[in-house]
Amino acid sequence: QGVTALWLTSSLLNVVAEHAARALSGVRQVWSGGEAVSGATVRRLHEVCPGLTVVDGYGPTETTTFATHHRVPRPYGGGVTVPIGRPMANTRVYVLDGRLRPVAPQVTGELYIAGSGLARGYLHRPGMTAERFVADPFAPVPGARMYRTGDLVRVNAEGDLEYVGRVDQQVKVRGFRIEPGEIEHVL
């Protein structure tokens, strides 16, 4: 169909890279996210599709799809997973400790996101909204809020965010958030 730009969940990108990487040979740019993007997947795609640019896009639904992005360099010599990068336009990110203070580079903290793409909260869930959408003490305008993602990150030596894990037990399965506590409650 002449597709030149594509977005695939990380799970699907892994399968395509392993079993049908050549199917992406005409694509110029592929964005991926939903879970950590595999370094091995990127290396395979760069090998099979020399003209392909891979971009890791990170962003929970509460921040209107993508909040950060990382254009993966060629050749990718990084680790097991690709960094989640830097903020998109009109987005601010903060890596904070438990007292909402910025942490030093390369120190793990919780990721908070603010900016024009931030949702107002959760429909009919004021308690959850108050817990996750908190006052932004760093905002250029008073009254702004930021979203507490629950994701642990650190800023690497290049200035890019790296995903480290979660502050809670939430896991992702094929891009879907799974809260083990909710499953326990139902059982």
N, C-alpha and C. Protein backbone atom coordinates (compact mmCIF):
# COMPACT_ATOMS: atom_id res chain seq x y z
N GLN A 1 0.81 -1.21 0.00
CA GLN A 1 0.00 0.00 0.00
C GLN A 1 0.85 1.27 0.00
N GLY A 2 2.16 1.16 0.00
CA GLY A 2 3.01 2.33 -0.02
C GLY A 2 3.17 3.01 1.32
N VAL A 3 2.96 2.30 2.40
CA VAL A 3 3.08 2.86 3.74
C VAL A 3 4.54 3.25 3.99
N THR A 4 4.75 4.47 4.49
CA THR A 4 6.12 4.92 4.77
C THR A 4 6.35 5.20 6.24
N ALA A 5 5.29 5.36 7.02
CA ALA A 5 5.41 5.57 8.46
C ALA A 5 4.40 4.67 9.15
N LEU A 6 4.80 4.10 10.28
CA LEU A 6 4.00 3.06 10.91
C LEU A 6 4.18 3.12 12.42
N TRP A 7 3.13 2.82 13.17
CA TRP A 7 3.22 2.66 14.61
C TRP A 7 2.80 1.26 14.96
N LEU A 8 3.64 0.54 15.70
CA LEU A 8 3.35 -0.82 16.14
C LEU A 8 3.63 -0.93 17.63
N THR A 9 2.81 -1.68 18.35
CA THR A 9 3.16 -1.95 19.74
C THR A 9 4.48 -2.70 19.77
N SER A 10 5.18 -2.61 20.88
CA SER A 10 6.47 -3.30 21.00
C SER A 10 6.32 -4.80 20.81
N SER A 11 5.25 -5.37 21.33
CA SER A 11 5.01 -6.81 21.18
C SER A 11 4.91 -7.20 19.72
N LEU A 12 4.16 -6.43 18.95
CA LEU A 12 4.00 -6.73 17.53
C LEU A 12 5.30 -6.47 16.77
N LEU A 13 6.00 -5.39 17.11
CA LEU A 13 7.27 -5.10 16.46
C LEU A 13 8.26 -6.24 16.67
N ASN A 14 8.29 -6.81 17.86
CA ASN A 14 9.19 -7.94 18.13
C ASN A 14 8.88 -9.12 17.22
N VAL A 15 7.60 -9.43 17.04
CA VAL A 15 7.19 -10.55 16.19
C VAL A 15 7.54 -10.27 14.73
N VAL A 16 7.25 -9.06 14.27
CA VAL A 16 7.56 -8.71 12.88
C VAL A 16 9.07 -8.78 12.64
N ALA A 17 9.85 -8.24 13.56
CA ALA A 17 11.31 -8.26 13.41
C ALA A 17 11.86 -9.68 13.35
N GLU A 18 11.28 -10.56 14.14
CA GLU A 18 11.77 -11.94 14.18
C GLU A 18 11.33 -12.77 12.98
N HIS A 19 10.09 -12.57 12.52
CA HIS A 19 9.53 -13.46 11.50
C HIS A 19 9.31 -12.83 10.12
N ALA A 20 9.25 -11.50 10.05
CA ALA A 20 8.94 -10.89 8.75
C ALA A 20 9.56 -9.49 8.63
N ALA A 21 10.78 -9.34 9.07
CA ALA A 21 11.43 -8.02 9.08
C ALA A 21 11.45 -7.38 7.69
N ARG A 22 11.61 -8.18 6.65
CA ARG A 22 11.66 -7.62 5.29
C ARG A 22 10.36 -6.94 4.89
N ALA A 23 9.26 -7.25 5.58
CA ALA A 23 7.98 -6.60 5.30
C ALA A 23 8.05 -5.09 5.58
N LEU A 24 9.03 -4.68 6.37
CA LEU A 24 9.19 -3.26 6.70
C LEU A 24 10.22 -2.56 5.81
N SER A 25 10.70 -3.24 4.79
CA SER A 25 11.78 -2.67 3.96
C SER A 25 11.38 -1.39 3.24
N GLY A 26 10.11 -1.18 2.94
CA GLY A 26 9.69 0.05 2.27
C GLY A 26 9.28 1.15 3.24
N VAL A 27 9.22 0.82 4.51
CA VAL A 27 8.84 1.80 5.53
C VAL A 27 10.05 2.65 5.87
N ARG A 28 9.85 3.95 5.99
CA ARG A 28 10.96 4.84 6.35
C ARG A 28 11.09 5.03 7.85
N GLN A 29 9.94 5.02 8.55
CA GLN A 29 9.98 5.26 9.99
C GLN A 29 8.94 4.40 10.68
N VAL A 30 9.36 3.71 11.75
CA VAL A 30 8.44 2.95 12.58
C VAL A 30 8.57 3.43 14.01
N TRP A 31 7.42 3.75 14.62
CA TRP A 31 7.35 4.12 16.02
C TRP A 31 6.83 2.92 16.77
N SER A 32 7.34 2.73 17.96
CA SER A 32 6.89 1.60 18.77
C SER A 32 6.79 2.03 20.22
N GLY A 33 5.96 1.34 20.98
CA GLY A 33 5.79 1.63 22.39
C GLY A 33 4.75 0.71 22.99
N GLY A 34 4.31 1.05 24.17
CA GLY A 34 3.35 0.20 24.89
C GLY A 34 4.04 -0.66 25.91
N GLU A 35 5.26 -1.05 25.63
CA GLU A 35 6.16 -1.78 26.52
C GLU A 35 7.56 -1.39 26.10
N ALA A 36 8.55 -1.83 26.85
CA ALA A 36 9.94 -1.50 26.50
C ALA A 36 10.27 -2.05 25.11
N VAL A 37 10.97 -1.24 24.32
CA VAL A 37 11.40 -1.66 22.99
C VAL A 37 12.72 -2.41 23.15
N SER A 38 12.78 -3.58 22.57
CA SER A 38 13.93 -4.46 22.68
C SER A 38 15.11 -3.99 21.83
N GLY A 39 16.29 -3.95 22.43
CA GLY A 39 17.51 -3.61 21.70
C GLY A 39 17.79 -4.61 20.59
N ALA A 40 17.54 -5.90 20.85
CA ALA A 40 17.76 -6.94 19.85
C ALA A 40 16.84 -6.74 18.64
N THR A 41 15.60 -6.33 18.90
CA THR A 41 14.66 -6.06 17.81
C THR A 41 15.16 -4.94 16.93
N VAL A 42 15.64 -3.86 17.56
CA VAL A 42 16.15 -2.72 16.79
C VAL A 42 17.36 -3.12 15.97
N ARG A 43 18.27 -3.87 16.56
CA ARG A 43 19.47 -4.31 15.81
C ARG A 43 19.06 -5.16 14.61
N ARG A 44 18.10 -6.04 14.77
CA ARG A 44 17.63 -6.89 13.67
C ARG A 44 17.01 -6.03 12.57
N LEU A 45 16.18 -5.07 12.94
CA LEU A 45 15.55 -4.21 11.94
C LEU A 45 16.57 -3.36 11.20
N HIS A 46 17.55 -2.84 11.92
CA HIS A 46 18.60 -2.06 11.26
C HIS A 46 19.40 -2.91 10.28
N GLU A 47 19.59 -4.16 10.63
CA GLU A 47 20.35 -5.08 9.76
C GLU A 47 19.57 -5.39 8.48
N VAL A 48 18.29 -5.68 8.62
CA VAL A 48 17.47 -6.12 7.49
C VAL A 48 16.93 -4.94 6.67
N CYS A 49 16.66 -3.83 7.33
CA CYS A 49 16.06 -2.66 6.68
C CYS A 49 16.96 -1.44 6.88
N PRO A 50 18.00 -1.29 6.08
CA PRO A 50 18.97 -0.21 6.31
C PRO A 50 18.40 1.19 6.22
N GLY A 51 17.26 1.38 5.56
CA GLY A 51 16.68 2.72 5.44
C GLY A 51 15.65 3.04 6.52
N LEU A 52 15.43 2.12 7.45
CA LEU A 52 14.37 2.28 8.45
C LEU A 52 14.87 3.05 9.67
N THR A 53 14.10 4.05 10.08
CA THR A 53 14.34 4.76 11.33
C THR A 53 13.38 4.20 12.37
N VAL A 54 13.91 3.84 13.54
CA VAL A 54 13.09 3.30 14.62
C VAL A 54 13.02 4.35 15.73
N VAL A 55 11.81 4.62 16.19
CA VAL A 55 11.59 5.59 17.25
C VAL A 55 10.81 4.92 18.37
N ASP A 56 11.34 5.00 19.60
CA ASP A 56 10.62 4.49 20.76
C ASP A 56 9.76 5.63 21.29
N GLY A 57 8.45 5.41 21.31
CA GLY A 57 7.53 6.41 21.84
C GLY A 57 6.96 5.92 23.16
N TYR A 58 7.10 6.75 24.20
CA TYR A 58 6.58 6.39 25.52
C TYR A 58 5.47 7.36 25.90
N GLY A 59 4.43 6.85 26.48
CA GLY A 59 3.41 7.74 27.01
C GLY A 59 2.18 6.99 27.44
N PRO A 60 1.80 7.16 28.69
CA PRO A 60 0.55 6.56 29.15
C PRO A 60 -0.65 7.29 28.56
N THR A 61 -1.78 6.65 28.55
CA THR A 61 -3.01 7.22 28.01
C THR A 61 -3.32 8.58 28.64
N GLU A 62 -2.97 8.75 29.90
CA GLU A 62 -3.26 10.00 30.61
C GLU A 62 -2.51 11.20 30.04
N THR A 63 -1.57 10.94 29.15
CA THR A 63 -0.80 12.03 28.55
C THR A 63 -0.97 12.07 27.03
N THR A 64 -2.12 11.65 26.55
CA THR A 64 -2.46 11.72 25.13
C THR A 64 -1.45 10.99 24.25
N THR A 65 -1.31 9.75 24.45
CA THR A 65 -0.52 8.82 23.65
C THR A 65 0.98 8.91 23.91
N PHE A 66 1.71 9.83 23.28
CA PHE A 66 3.16 9.91 23.49
C PHE A 66 3.52 11.12 24.31
N ALA A 67 4.42 10.92 25.26
CA ALA A 67 4.95 12.02 26.07
C ALA A 67 6.44 12.21 25.79
N THR A 68 7.13 11.11 25.50
CA THR A 68 8.56 11.17 25.17
C THR A 68 8.83 10.34 23.93
N HIS A 69 9.98 10.59 23.34
CA HIS A 69 10.38 9.79 22.17
C HIS A 69 11.90 9.70 22.12
N HIS A 70 12.36 8.64 21.48
CA HIS A 70 13.80 8.43 21.31
C HIS A 70 14.04 7.85 19.92
N ARG A 71 14.70 8.62 19.09
CA ARG A 71 15.08 8.14 17.75
C ARG A 71 16.32 7.27 17.97
N VAL A 72 16.22 5.99 17.65
CA VAL A 72 17.29 5.04 17.93
C VAL A 72 18.43 5.24 16.94
N PRO A 73 19.65 5.47 17.46
CA PRO A 73 20.78 5.71 16.56
C PRO A 73 21.21 4.44 15.83
N ARG A 74 21.88 4.63 14.70
CA ARG A 74 22.46 3.53 13.92
C ARG A 74 23.95 3.55 14.06
N PRO A 75 24.60 2.47 14.27
CA PRO A 75 24.02 1.20 14.73
C PRO A 75 23.67 1.33 16.21
N TYR A 76 22.68 0.55 16.63
CA TYR A 76 22.28 0.60 18.03
C TYR A 76 23.23 -0.27 18.83
N GLY A 77 24.02 0.36 19.67
CA GLY A 77 24.98 -0.36 20.50
C GLY A 77 24.59 -0.38 21.95
N GLY A 78 23.33 -0.02 22.23
CA GLY A 78 22.86 0.08 23.60
C GLY A 78 22.50 -1.25 24.22
N GLY A 79 21.77 -1.16 25.31
CA GLY A 79 21.46 -2.31 26.14
C GLY A 79 20.28 -3.14 25.67
N VAL A 80 19.73 -3.86 26.65
CA VAL A 80 18.63 -4.79 26.40
C VAL A 80 17.39 -4.06 25.92
N THR A 81 17.13 -2.88 26.48
CA THR A 81 16.00 -2.08 26.03
C THR A 81 16.47 -0.70 25.58
N VAL A 82 15.65 -0.07 24.75
CA VAL A 82 15.95 1.24 24.18
C VAL A 82 15.48 2.32 25.16
N PRO A 83 16.23 3.41 25.33
CA PRO A 83 15.75 4.51 26.18
C PRO A 83 14.41 5.05 25.68
N ILE A 84 13.64 5.64 26.59
CA ILE A 84 12.37 6.24 26.20
C ILE A 84 12.53 7.70 25.79
N GLY A 85 13.73 8.24 25.93
CA GLY A 85 14.08 9.50 25.31
C GLY A 85 13.81 10.77 26.06
N ARG A 86 13.31 11.74 25.32
CA ARG A 86 13.11 13.10 25.81
C ARG A 86 11.69 13.54 25.52
N PRO A 87 11.24 14.61 26.18
CA PRO A 87 9.84 15.03 26.02
C PRO A 87 9.48 15.47 24.60
N MET A 88 8.24 15.20 24.24
CA MET A 88 7.67 15.70 22.99
C MET A 88 7.44 17.20 23.16
N ALA A 89 7.13 17.88 22.09
CA ALA A 89 6.83 19.32 22.14
C ALA A 89 5.66 19.56 23.11
N ASN A 90 5.72 20.65 23.84
CA ASN A 90 4.68 21.06 24.79
C ASN A 90 4.48 20.07 25.94
N THR A 91 5.52 19.31 26.23
CA THR A 91 5.48 18.34 27.32
C THR A 91 6.67 18.59 28.23
N ARG A 92 6.44 18.48 29.53
CA ARG A 92 7.52 18.56 30.51
C ARG A 92 7.58 17.24 31.27
N VAL A 93 8.79 16.78 31.56
CA VAL A 93 8.95 15.56 32.35
C VAL A 93 9.85 15.87 33.54
N TYR A 94 9.56 15.20 34.64
CA TYR A 94 10.35 15.37 35.85
C TYR A 94 10.66 13.99 36.41
N VAL A 95 11.87 13.81 36.90
CA VAL A 95 12.25 12.58 37.60
C VAL A 95 12.42 13.00 39.05
N LEU A 96 11.49 12.54 39.90
CA LEU A 96 11.40 13.04 41.27
C LEU A 96 11.51 11.93 42.31
N ASP A 97 11.94 12.33 43.50
CA ASP A 97 11.98 11.38 44.62
C ASP A 97 10.62 11.39 45.32
N GLY A 98 10.51 10.69 46.44
CA GLY A 98 9.24 10.57 47.16
C GLY A 98 8.72 11.87 47.73
N ARG A 99 9.57 12.90 47.81
CA ARG A 99 9.15 14.21 48.33
C ARG A 99 8.99 15.24 47.21
N LEU A 100 8.89 14.75 45.99
CA LEU A 100 8.72 15.58 44.79
C LEU A 100 9.91 16.51 44.54
N ARG A 101 11.10 16.03 44.87
CA ARG A 101 12.33 16.78 44.58
C ARG A 101 13.04 16.10 43.41
N PRO A 102 13.60 16.91 42.50
CA PRO A 102 14.33 16.32 41.36
C PRO A 102 15.51 15.49 41.86
N VAL A 103 15.74 14.36 41.20
CA VAL A 103 16.89 13.52 41.52
C VAL A 103 18.03 13.86 40.57
N ALA A 104 19.22 13.50 40.95
CA ALA A 104 20.40 13.76 40.11
C ALA A 104 20.38 12.85 38.89
N PRO A 105 21.07 13.26 37.81
CA PRO A 105 21.19 12.37 36.65
C PRO A 105 21.74 11.01 37.07
N GLN A 106 21.24 9.98 36.43
CA GLN A 106 21.62 8.58 36.63
C GLN A 106 21.14 8.02 37.97
N VAL A 107 20.29 8.76 38.68
CA VAL A 107 19.65 8.27 39.90
C VAL A 107 18.20 7.96 39.56
N THR A 108 17.71 6.83 40.03
CA THR A 108 16.33 6.42 39.73
C THR A 108 15.33 7.21 40.56
N GLY A 109 14.27 7.64 39.89
CA GLY A 109 13.15 8.32 40.54
C GLY A 109 11.88 8.03 39.77
N GLU A 110 10.77 8.56 40.27
CA GLU A 110 9.48 8.35 39.59
C GLU A 110 9.30 9.42 38.53
N LEU A 111 8.74 9.01 37.38
CA LEU A 111 8.49 9.91 36.27
C LEU A 111 7.15 10.61 36.44
N TYR A 112 7.19 11.94 36.34
CA TYR A 112 6.00 12.78 36.34
C TYR A 112 5.96 13.50 35.00
N ILE A 113 4.76 13.66 34.46
CA ILE A 113 4.60 14.29 33.14
C ILE A 113 3.60 15.43 33.24
N ALA A 114 3.92 16.54 32.58
CA ALA A 114 3.04 17.71 32.56
C ALA A 114 3.05 18.30 31.16
N GLY A 115 2.11 19.18 30.91
CA GLY A 115 2.08 19.86 29.62
C GLY A 115 0.71 19.86 29.00
N SER A 116 0.65 20.32 27.77
CA SER A 116 -0.64 20.53 27.11
C SER A 116 -1.38 19.23 26.79
N GLY A 117 -0.72 18.10 26.73
CA GLY A 117 -1.39 16.84 26.42
C GLY A 117 -1.93 16.11 27.63
N LEU A 118 -1.76 16.68 28.81
CA LEU A 118 -2.18 16.00 30.04
C LEU A 118 -3.70 15.97 30.16
N ALA A 119 -4.24 14.80 30.50
CA ALA A 119 -5.68 14.66 30.72
C ALA A 119 -6.09 15.44 31.97
N ARG A 120 -7.37 15.65 32.13
CA ARG A 120 -7.87 16.35 33.32
C ARG A 120 -8.01 15.41 34.51
N GLY A 121 -8.11 14.14 34.25
CA GLY A 121 -8.29 13.18 35.33
C GLY A 121 -9.08 11.99 34.83
N TYR A 122 -9.57 11.21 35.78
CA TYR A 122 -10.34 10.01 35.47
C TYR A 122 -11.83 10.29 35.64
N LEU A 123 -12.63 9.92 34.66
CA LEU A 123 -14.06 10.16 34.69
C LEU A 123 -14.70 9.45 35.88
N HIS A 124 -15.41 10.19 36.69
CA HIS A 124 -16.15 9.67 37.85
C HIS A 124 -15.24 8.97 38.87
N ARG A 125 -13.96 9.33 38.89
CA ARG A 125 -13.02 8.73 39.85
C ARG A 125 -12.21 9.84 40.53
N PRO A 126 -12.86 10.68 41.34
CA PRO A 126 -12.17 11.82 41.94
C PRO A 126 -11.02 11.42 42.86
N GLY A 127 -11.14 10.35 43.58
CA GLY A 127 -10.07 9.90 44.47
C GLY A 127 -8.83 9.50 43.71
N MET A 128 -9.03 8.73 42.66
CA MET A 128 -7.90 8.30 41.84
C MET A 128 -7.29 9.50 41.10
N THR A 129 -8.13 10.42 40.65
CA THR A 129 -7.65 11.63 39.99
C THR A 129 -6.76 12.43 40.94
N ALA A 130 -7.21 12.62 42.18
CA ALA A 130 -6.44 13.39 43.16
C ALA A 130 -5.10 12.72 43.47
N GLU A 131 -5.09 11.39 43.45
CA GLU A 131 -3.86 10.65 43.76
C GLU A 131 -2.84 10.73 42.63
N ARG A 132 -3.28 10.71 41.38
CA ARG A 132 -2.37 10.62 40.23
C ARG A 132 -2.10 11.96 39.54
N PHE A 133 -3.03 12.90 39.60
CA PHE A 133 -2.85 14.21 38.97
C PHE A 133 -2.63 15.22 40.08
N VAL A 134 -1.39 15.59 40.29
CA VAL A 134 -1.01 16.42 41.43
C VAL A 134 -0.51 17.79 40.98
N ALA A 135 -0.47 18.72 41.92
CA ALA A 135 0.01 20.07 41.61
C ALA A 135 1.43 20.01 41.08
N ASP A 136 1.70 20.82 40.07
CA ASP A 136 3.02 20.88 39.44
C ASP A 136 3.78 22.08 40.02
N PRO A 137 4.71 21.82 40.96
CA PRO A 137 5.43 22.94 41.59
C PRO A 137 6.46 23.59 40.66
N PHE A 138 6.71 22.99 39.51
CA PHE A 138 7.72 23.51 38.58
C PHE A 138 7.11 24.22 37.38
N ALA A 139 5.79 24.27 37.31
CA ALA A 139 5.09 24.80 36.14
C ALA A 139 5.33 26.30 35.95
N PRO A 140 5.34 26.72 34.70
CA PRO A 140 5.51 28.15 34.42
C PRO A 140 4.26 28.97 34.76
N VAL A 141 3.12 28.30 34.97
CA VAL A 141 1.88 29.00 35.33
C VAL A 141 1.30 28.37 36.60
N PRO A 142 0.73 29.17 37.48
CA PRO A 142 0.14 28.61 38.71
C PRO A 142 -1.07 27.75 38.40
N GLY A 143 -1.29 26.74 39.23
CA GLY A 143 -2.45 25.87 39.09
C GLY A 143 -2.27 24.70 38.14
N ALA A 144 -1.12 24.60 37.51
CA ALA A 144 -0.89 23.48 36.58
C ALA A 144 -0.72 22.18 37.36
N ARG A 145 -1.01 21.10 36.68
CA ARG A 145 -0.88 19.78 37.31
C ARG A 145 0.09 18.91 36.52
N MET A 146 0.53 17.86 37.17
CA MET A 146 1.39 16.87 36.53
C MET A 146 0.85 15.49 36.88
N TYR A 147 1.17 14.53 36.02
CA TYR A 147 0.68 13.16 36.20
C TYR A 147 1.77 12.29 36.79
N ARG A 148 1.43 11.63 37.86
CA ARG A 148 2.34 10.68 38.52
C ARG A 148 2.19 9.34 37.82
N THR A 149 3.21 8.95 37.03
CA THR A 149 3.07 7.77 36.17
C THR A 149 3.17 6.45 36.91
N GLY A 150 3.93 6.42 38.02
CA GLY A 150 4.21 5.15 38.67
C GLY A 150 5.37 4.42 38.03
N ASP A 151 5.95 5.01 36.99
CA ASP A 151 7.11 4.41 36.32
C ASP A 151 8.40 4.96 36.92
N LEU A 152 9.34 4.07 37.15
CA LEU A 152 10.66 4.46 37.64
C LEU A 152 11.58 4.63 36.44
N VAL A 153 12.30 5.75 36.42
CA VAL A 153 13.21 6.05 35.32
C VAL A 153 14.48 6.68 35.88
N ARG A 154 15.46 6.82 35.01
CA ARG A 154 16.65 7.61 35.32
C ARG A 154 17.08 8.30 34.05
N VAL A 155 17.81 9.39 34.20
CA VAL A 155 18.35 10.12 33.06
C VAL A 155 19.76 9.60 32.84
N ASN A 156 20.05 9.06 31.65
CA ASN A 156 21.37 8.50 31.38
C ASN A 156 22.38 9.60 31.06
N ALA A 157 23.61 9.20 30.80
CA ALA A 157 24.69 10.15 30.55
C ALA A 157 24.43 11.01 29.31
N GLU A 158 23.63 10.52 28.36
CA GLU A 158 23.31 11.29 27.15
C GLU A 158 22.13 12.23 27.36
N GLY A 159 21.48 12.17 28.52
CA GLY A 159 20.33 13.03 28.80
C GLY A 159 19.00 12.42 28.44
N ASP A 160 18.98 11.13 28.08
CA ASP A 160 17.74 10.45 27.73
C ASP A 160 17.19 9.69 28.94
N LEU A 161 15.86 9.61 29.01
CA LEU A 161 15.21 8.83 30.04
C LEU A 161 15.33 7.35 29.73
N GLU A 162 15.63 6.57 30.76
CA GLU A 162 15.65 5.11 30.64
C GLU A 162 14.62 4.55 31.61
N TYR A 163 13.75 3.67 31.10
CA TYR A 163 12.76 3.01 31.94
C TYR A 163 13.45 1.98 32.83
N VAL A 164 13.13 1.98 34.13
CA VAL A 164 13.76 1.06 35.07
C VAL A 164 12.76 0.04 35.61
N GLY A 165 11.53 0.46 35.87
CA GLY A 165 10.53 -0.44 36.43
C GLY A 165 9.33 0.33 36.93
N ARG A 166 8.62 -0.25 37.89
CA ARG A 166 7.41 0.34 38.45
C ARG A 166 7.56 0.55 39.95
N VAL A 167 6.79 1.51 40.49
CA VAL A 167 6.76 1.72 41.94
C VAL A 167 5.77 0.77 42.59
N ASP A 168 4.86 0.20 41.78
CA ASP A 168 3.86 -0.73 42.29
C ASP A 168 4.03 -2.08 41.58
N GLN A 169 3.03 -2.91 41.65
CA GLN A 169 3.11 -4.24 41.06
C GLN A 169 2.52 -4.32 39.66
N GLN A 170 2.10 -3.16 39.10
CA GLN A 170 1.49 -3.16 37.77
C GLN A 170 2.45 -3.76 36.74
N VAL A 171 1.89 -4.55 35.84
CA VAL A 171 2.68 -5.12 34.74
C VAL A 171 1.96 -4.80 33.43
N LYS A 172 2.68 -4.96 32.35
CA LYS A 172 2.08 -4.78 31.03
C LYS A 172 2.14 -6.12 30.32
N VAL A 173 1.04 -6.49 29.71
CA VAL A 173 0.97 -7.70 28.91
C VAL A 173 0.42 -7.29 27.55
N ARG A 174 1.26 -7.39 26.51
CA ARG A 174 0.89 -6.98 25.17
C ARG A 174 0.33 -5.56 25.13
N GLY A 175 0.92 -4.67 25.90
CA GLY A 175 0.51 -3.27 25.90
C GLY A 175 -0.65 -2.93 26.83
N PHE A 176 -1.25 -3.91 27.49
CA PHE A 176 -2.36 -3.66 28.40
C PHE A 176 -1.85 -3.62 29.83
N ARG A 177 -2.35 -2.63 30.59
CA ARG A 177 -2.00 -2.52 32.01
C ARG A 177 -2.74 -3.59 32.80
N ILE A 178 -2.01 -4.31 33.60
CA ILE A 178 -2.61 -5.33 34.46
C ILE A 178 -2.24 -4.98 35.90
N GLU A 179 -3.26 -4.83 36.75
CA GLU A 179 -3.04 -4.57 38.17
C GLU A 179 -3.31 -5.87 38.93
N PRO A 180 -2.26 -6.55 39.40
CA PRO A 180 -2.47 -7.81 40.13
C PRO A 180 -3.45 -7.67 41.31
N GLY A 181 -3.46 -6.51 41.97
CA GLY A 181 -4.39 -6.29 43.08
C GLY A 181 -5.85 -6.39 42.65
N GLU A 182 -6.15 -5.90 41.44
CA GLU A 182 -7.52 -5.98 40.94
C GLU A 182 -7.91 -7.43 40.67
N ILE A 183 -6.97 -8.20 40.16
CA ILE A 183 -7.22 -9.62 39.90
C ILE A 183 -7.44 -10.35 41.22
N GLU A 184 -6.58 -10.05 42.21
CA GLU A 184 -6.74 -10.66 43.53
C GLU A 184 -8.10 -10.33 44.12
N HIS A 185 -8.54 -9.08 43.98
CA HIS A 185 -9.83 -8.65 44.52
C HIS A 185 -10.99 -9.44 43.91
N VAL A 186 -10.95 -9.62 42.59
CA VAL A 186 -12.00 -10.36 41.90
C VAL A 186 -12.00 -11.83 42.32
N LEU A 187 -10.80 -12.41 42.43
CA LEU A 187 -10.72 -13.81 42.84
C LEU A 187 -11.16 -13.99 44.27
